[in-house]
Amino acid sequence: VSGSHPGPASTELAEFVDEHNKEIIQRVKKVQQIADKLRSQGIISDAARRRILVTGTSEEGMSELYRSLKRGGAKAKSTFYWLLQQFKPALIAELPGEEHAAPSGRAACPWCRRRPGAQ
């Protein structure tokens, strides 16, 4: 989130992830892509990424990923939230809470309702 963006604090995003973790674990299938992004951003370790990727199903992988996020705290969970906006915007839009998606279906910031790149 850029400095000019009026977005939420990491703790608010972490609370959103915690509140909806069961549904996120069940519905997110792009485990490897998300784990790779989290690793490249230094949010999870190589060992955590390997544990995530050797699981048998996407649900097991997401469960392991969530355990790694819990160890990383609010920063890890807020980074994960923004990755969900990128990889699974429809899920974010469907979860109860703030307005989460622009009418076009493209992910928008749930707090200011601006699309990515909008001024």
C-alpha atoms as a PDB file:
ATOM      1  CA  VAL A   1       0.000   0.000   0.000  1.00  0.00           C
ATOM      2  CA  SER A   2       1.504   3.313  -1.028  1.00  0.00           C
ATOM      3  CA  GLY A   3       1.980   6.159   1.397  1.00  0.00           C
ATOM      4  CA  SER A   4      -0.844   8.165  -0.227  1.00  0.00           C
ATOM      5  CA  HIS A   5      -3.309   5.316   0.191  1.00  0.00           C
ATOM      6  CA  PRO A   6      -5.742   5.721   3.118  1.00  0.00           C
ATOM      7  CA  GLY A   7      -5.866   1.969   3.647  1.00  0.00           C
ATOM      8  CA  PRO A   8      -6.390   0.072   6.857  1.00  0.00           C
ATOM      9  CA  ALA A   9      -3.830  -0.794   9.467  1.00  0.00           C
ATOM     10  CA  SER A  10      -2.152  -4.185   9.370  1.00  0.00           C
ATOM     11  CA  THR A  11      -4.096  -5.187  12.463  1.00  0.00           C
ATOM     12  CA  GLU A  12      -7.449  -4.643  10.699  1.00  0.00           C
ATOM     13  CA  LEU A  13      -6.382  -6.815   7.780  1.00  0.00           C
ATOM     14  CA  ALA A  14      -5.011  -9.460  10.151  1.00  0.00           C
ATOM     15  CA  GLU A  15      -8.345  -9.514  11.970  1.00  0.00           C
ATOM     16  CA  PHE A  16     -10.146  -9.979   8.638  1.00  0.00           C
ATOM     17  CA  VAL A  17      -7.880 -12.935   7.753  1.00  0.00           C
ATOM     18  CA  ASP A  18      -8.345 -14.466  11.213  1.00  0.00           C
ATOM     19  CA  GLU A  19     -12.112 -14.010  11.119  1.00  0.00           C
ATOM     20  CA  HIS A  20     -12.431 -15.686   7.713  1.00  0.00           C
ATOM     21  CA  ASN A  21      -9.562 -18.196   7.901  1.00  0.00           C
ATOM     22  CA  LYS A  22     -11.745 -21.304   7.650  1.00  0.00           C
ATOM     23  CA  GLU A  23     -13.440 -20.167   4.448  1.00  0.00           C
ATOM     24  CA  ILE A  24     -10.139 -18.921   3.003  1.00  0.00           C
ATOM     25  CA  ILE A  25      -8.494 -22.289   3.745  1.00  0.00           C
ATOM     26  CA  GLN A  26     -11.366 -24.149   2.071  1.00  0.00           C
ATOM     27  CA  ARG A  27     -11.648 -21.990  -1.040  1.00  0.00           C
ATOM     28  CA  VAL A  28      -8.169 -20.813  -2.028  1.00  0.00           C
ATOM     29  CA  LYS A  29      -6.486 -23.204  -4.460  1.00  0.00           C
ATOM     30  CA  LYS A  30      -3.446 -21.181  -5.607  1.00  0.00           C
ATOM     31  CA  VAL A  31      -1.344 -22.288  -2.668  1.00  0.00           C
ATOM     32  CA  GLN A  32       1.987 -22.471  -4.505  1.00  0.00           C
ATOM     33  CA  GLN A  33       1.643 -19.023  -6.080  1.00  0.00           C
ATOM     34  CA  ILE A  34       0.763 -17.426  -2.758  1.00  0.00           C
ATOM     35  CA  ALA A  35       3.516 -19.296  -0.889  1.00  0.00           C
ATOM     36  CA  ASP A  36       6.036 -18.222  -3.542  1.00  0.00           C
ATOM     37  CA  LYS A  37       4.987 -14.568  -3.228  1.00  0.00           C
ATOM     38  CA  LEU A  38       5.123 -14.701   0.573  1.00  0.00           C
ATOM     39  CA  ARG A  39       8.597 -16.253   0.395  1.00  0.00           C
ATOM     40  CA  SER A  40       9.868 -13.706  -2.127  1.00  0.00           C
ATOM     41  CA  GLN A  41       8.676 -10.918   0.178  1.00  0.00           C
ATOM     42  CA  GLY A  42      10.410 -12.463   3.199  1.00  0.00           C
ATOM     43  CA  ILE A  43       7.132 -13.193   4.994  1.00  0.00           C
ATOM     44  CA  ILE A  44       7.713 -16.957   5.257  1.00  0.00           C
ATOM     45  CA  SER A  45      10.943 -18.957   5.301  1.00  0.00           C
ATOM     46  CA  ASP A  46      12.143 -21.487   2.740  1.00  0.00           C
ATOM     47  CA  ALA A  47      11.403 -24.240   5.259  1.00  0.00           C
ATOM     48  CA  ALA A  48       7.822 -22.989   5.741  1.00  0.00           C
ATOM     49  CA  ARG A  49       7.337 -22.811   1.962  1.00  0.00           C
ATOM     50  CA  ARG A  50       8.548 -26.421   1.609  1.00  0.00           C
ATOM     51  CA  ARG A  51       6.156 -27.573   4.371  1.00  0.00           C
ATOM     52  CA  ILE A  52       3.291 -25.838   2.567  1.00  0.00           C
ATOM     53  CA  LEU A  53       4.108 -27.339  -0.827  1.00  0.00           C
ATOM     54  CA  VAL A  54       4.514 -30.965   0.297  1.00  0.00           C
ATOM     55  CA  THR A  55       0.974 -31.189   1.637  1.00  0.00           C
ATOM     56  CA  GLY A  56      -1.472 -33.428  -0.196  1.00  0.00           C
ATOM     57  CA  THR A  57      -4.352 -31.040  -0.913  1.00  0.00           C
ATOM     58  CA  SER A  58      -4.836 -27.306  -1.330  1.00  0.00           C
ATOM     59  CA  GLU A  59      -6.753 -27.248   1.973  1.00  0.00           C
ATOM     60  CA  GLU A  60      -3.842 -28.879   3.794  1.00  0.00           C
ATOM     61  CA  GLY A  61      -1.452 -26.461   2.097  1.00  0.00           C
ATOM     62  CA  MET A  62      -3.538 -23.456   3.071  1.00  0.00           C
ATOM     63  CA  SER A  63      -3.780 -24.743   6.646  1.00  0.00           C
ATOM     64  CA  GLU A  64       0.007 -24.972   6.816  1.00  0.00           C
ATOM     65  CA  LEU A  65       0.330 -21.551   5.197  1.00  0.00           C
ATOM     66  CA  TYR A  66      -2.053 -20.083   7.780  1.00  0.00           C
ATOM     67  CA  ARG A  67       0.038 -21.579  10.605  1.00  0.00           C
ATOM     68  CA  SER A  68       3.066 -19.800   9.128  1.00  0.00           C
ATOM     69  CA  LEU A  69       1.091 -16.559   8.913  1.00  0.00           C
ATOM     70  CA  LYS A  70       0.122 -16.825  12.588  1.00  0.00           C
ATOM     71  CA  ARG A  71       3.820 -16.956  13.472  1.00  0.00           C
ATOM     72  CA  GLY A  72       4.421 -13.862  11.305  1.00  0.00           C
ATOM     73  CA  GLY A  73       1.786 -11.747  13.016  1.00  0.00           C
ATOM     74  CA  ALA A  74      -0.217  -8.844  11.623  1.00  0.00           C
ATOM     75  CA  LYS A  75       2.298  -7.898   8.933  1.00  0.00           C
ATOM     76  CA  ALA A  76       2.270 -11.429   7.475  1.00  0.00           C
ATOM     77  CA  LYS A  77      -1.527 -11.615   7.533  1.00  0.00           C
ATOM     78  CA  SER A  78      -1.972  -8.186   5.955  1.00  0.00           C
ATOM     79  CA  THR A  79       0.450  -9.121   3.155  1.00  0.00           C
ATOM     80  CA  PHE A  80      -1.546 -12.322   2.687  1.00  0.00           C
ATOM     81  CA  TYR A  81      -4.770 -10.276   2.491  1.00  0.00           C
ATOM     82  CA  TRP A  82      -3.389  -8.181  -0.386  1.00  0.00           C
ATOM     83  CA  LEU A  83      -2.260 -11.360  -2.169  1.00  0.00           C
ATOM     84  CA  LEU A  84      -5.798 -12.702  -1.809  1.00  0.00           C
ATOM     85  CA  GLN A  85      -7.025  -9.475  -3.406  1.00  0.00           C
ATOM     86  CA  GLN A  86      -4.699 -10.261  -6.317  1.00  0.00           C
ATOM     87  CA  PHE A  87      -5.327 -14.013  -6.680  1.00  0.00           C
ATOM     88  CA  LYS A  88      -8.890 -14.427  -5.374  1.00  0.00           C
ATOM     89  CA  PRO A  89     -10.734 -11.074  -5.494  1.00  0.00           C
ATOM     90  CA  ALA A  90     -14.143 -12.740  -5.824  1.00  0.00           C
ATOM     91  CA  LEU A  91     -13.631 -14.521  -2.504  1.00  0.00           C
ATOM     92  CA  ILE A  92     -12.729 -11.275  -0.742  1.00  0.00           C
ATOM     93  CA  ALA A  93     -15.810  -9.652  -2.282  1.00  0.00           C
ATOM     94  CA  GLU A  94     -18.059 -12.456  -0.998  1.00  0.00           C
ATOM     95  CA  LEU A  95     -16.818 -12.482   2.590  1.00  0.00           C
ATOM     96  CA  PRO A  96     -18.849 -10.443   5.069  1.00  0.00           C
ATOM     97  CA  GLY A  97     -17.498  -7.056   5.966  1.00  0.00           C
ATOM     98  CA  GLU A  98     -16.672  -3.896   4.072  1.00  0.00           C
ATOM     99  CA  GLU A  99     -17.384  -3.365   0.366  1.00  0.00           C
ATOM    100  CA  HIS A 100     -14.593  -5.361  -1.276  1.00  0.00           C
ATOM    101  CA  ALA A 101     -14.865  -5.195  -5.042  1.00  0.00           C
ATOM    102  CA  ALA A 102     -15.425  -2.705  -7.806  1.00  0.00           C
ATOM    103  CA  PRO A 103     -18.505  -3.232 -10.012  1.00  0.00           C
ATOM    104  CA  SER A 104     -16.299  -4.487 -12.846  1.00  0.00           C
ATOM    105  CA  GLY A 105     -15.229  -7.386 -10.644  1.00  0.00           C
ATOM    106  CA  ARG A 106     -11.692  -6.037 -10.423  1.00  0.00           C
ATOM    107  CA  ALA A 107     -10.351  -5.913  -6.871  1.00  0.00           C
ATOM    108  CA  ALA A 108     -10.717  -2.574  -5.116  1.00  0.00           C
ATOM    109  CA  CYS A 109      -9.524  -1.377  -1.768  1.00  0.00           C
ATOM    110  CA  PRO A 110     -12.255  -2.299   0.729  1.00  0.00           C
ATOM    111  CA  TRP A 111     -11.690   0.843   2.748  1.00  0.00           C
ATOM    112  CA  CYS A 112     -11.561   3.547   0.096  1.00  0.00           C
ATOM    113  CA  ARG A 113     -13.231   1.570  -2.741  1.00  0.00           C
ATOM    114  CA  ARG A 114     -10.607   2.700  -5.246  1.00  0.00           C
ATOM    115  CA  ARG A 115      -9.374   0.270  -7.864  1.00  0.00           C
ATOM    116  CA  PRO A 116      -5.652  -0.495  -7.962  1.00  0.00           C
ATOM    117  CA  GLY A 117      -3.900   2.273  -9.866  1.00  0.00           C
ATOM    118  CA  ALA A 118      -6.799   4.727  -9.525  1.00  0.00           C
ATOM    119  CA  GLN A 119      -6.089   8.272  -8.375  1.00  0.00           C
END
